[in-house]
């Protein structure tokens, strides 16, 4: 079993704020599969730094508005 990441994200909320953007649309904009985006959104997978920046850019927000790491 894969250990969940400690990195948290607000992708779901930000997708809703971006006009109910679907997982499929965000995945297409970022260049990953929908399954990869779902794993990231549910905290089962931490994206590479490049993918994290692409997600933030696609959502029109800063990186730290999307992802956080506990102190």
Protein backbone atom coordinates (compact mmCIF):
# COMPACT_ATOMS: atom_id res chain seq x y z
CA UNK A 1 0.00 0.00 0.00
CA UNK A 2 1.26 3.47 -0.91
CA UNK A 3 1.69 5.91 1.95
CA UNK A 4 -0.29 9.13 1.39
CA UNK A 5 1.72 12.30 0.94
CA UNK A 6 1.81 15.03 3.59
CA UNK A 7 1.37 17.66 0.89
CA UNK A 8 -2.20 18.95 0.89
CA UNK A 9 -3.96 20.82 -1.86
CA UNK A 10 -7.04 22.87 -2.63
CA UNK A 11 -7.40 21.75 -6.23
CA UNK A 12 -11.05 20.75 -5.91
CA UNK A 13 -12.07 24.10 -4.39
CA UNK A 14 -10.00 26.04 -6.91
CA UNK A 15 -11.53 24.10 -9.81
CA UNK A 16 -14.99 25.08 -8.54
CA UNK A 17 -13.92 28.72 -8.23
CA UNK A 18 -12.59 28.56 -11.80
CA UNK A 19 -16.09 28.04 -13.15
CA UNK A 20 -16.55 24.37 -12.23
CA UNK A 21 -13.50 23.29 -14.25
CA UNK A 22 -13.58 19.52 -14.64
CA UNK A 23 -10.75 17.20 -13.70
CA UNK A 24 -10.52 16.27 -17.37
CA UNK A 25 -10.13 19.91 -18.45
CA UNK A 26 -7.49 20.66 -15.81
CA UNK A 27 -5.59 17.48 -16.68
CA UNK A 28 -5.64 18.46 -20.37
CA UNK A 29 -4.34 21.96 -19.60
CA UNK A 30 -1.56 20.56 -17.42
CA UNK A 31 -0.66 17.70 -19.75
CA UNK A 32 -1.32 14.78 -17.40
CA UNK A 33 -3.94 12.06 -17.38
CA UNK A 34 -7.18 12.48 -15.49
CA UNK A 35 -6.15 9.54 -13.30
CA UNK A 36 -2.92 11.34 -12.35
CA UNK A 37 -4.82 14.51 -11.51
CA UNK A 38 -7.28 12.54 -9.36
CA UNK A 39 -4.39 10.95 -7.43
CA UNK A 40 -2.85 14.39 -6.84
CA UNK A 41 -6.18 15.94 -5.84
CA UNK A 42 -6.89 13.12 -3.37
CA UNK A 43 -3.42 13.34 -1.83
CA UNK A 44 -2.29 9.91 -3.00
CA UNK A 45 0.49 11.35 -5.16
CA UNK A 46 2.73 14.43 -4.97
CA UNK A 47 3.29 16.09 -8.32
CA UNK A 48 6.69 17.09 -9.62
CA UNK A 49 7.52 20.73 -9.09
CA UNK A 50 6.95 21.40 -12.78
CA UNK A 51 3.48 19.81 -12.71
CA UNK A 52 2.63 21.69 -9.51
CA UNK A 53 3.49 25.00 -11.20
CA UNK A 54 1.46 24.02 -14.27
CA UNK A 55 -1.57 23.22 -12.08
CA UNK A 56 -1.31 26.58 -10.33
CA UNK A 57 -0.92 28.39 -13.66
CA UNK A 58 -3.93 26.58 -15.17
CA UNK A 59 -6.00 27.59 -12.14
CA UNK A 60 -4.74 31.19 -12.30
CA UNK A 61 -3.31 31.22 -8.78
CA UNK A 62 0.04 31.06 -7.00
CA UNK A 63 1.67 27.74 -6.19
CA UNK A 64 1.18 28.18 -2.45
CA UNK A 65 -2.53 28.88 -3.03
CA UNK A 66 -2.82 25.33 -4.37
CA UNK A 67 -0.36 23.29 -2.30
CA UNK A 68 0.74 23.37 1.32
CA UNK A 69 3.04 21.32 3.50
CA UNK A 70 2.65 21.06 7.29
CA UNK A 71 5.18 22.86 9.46
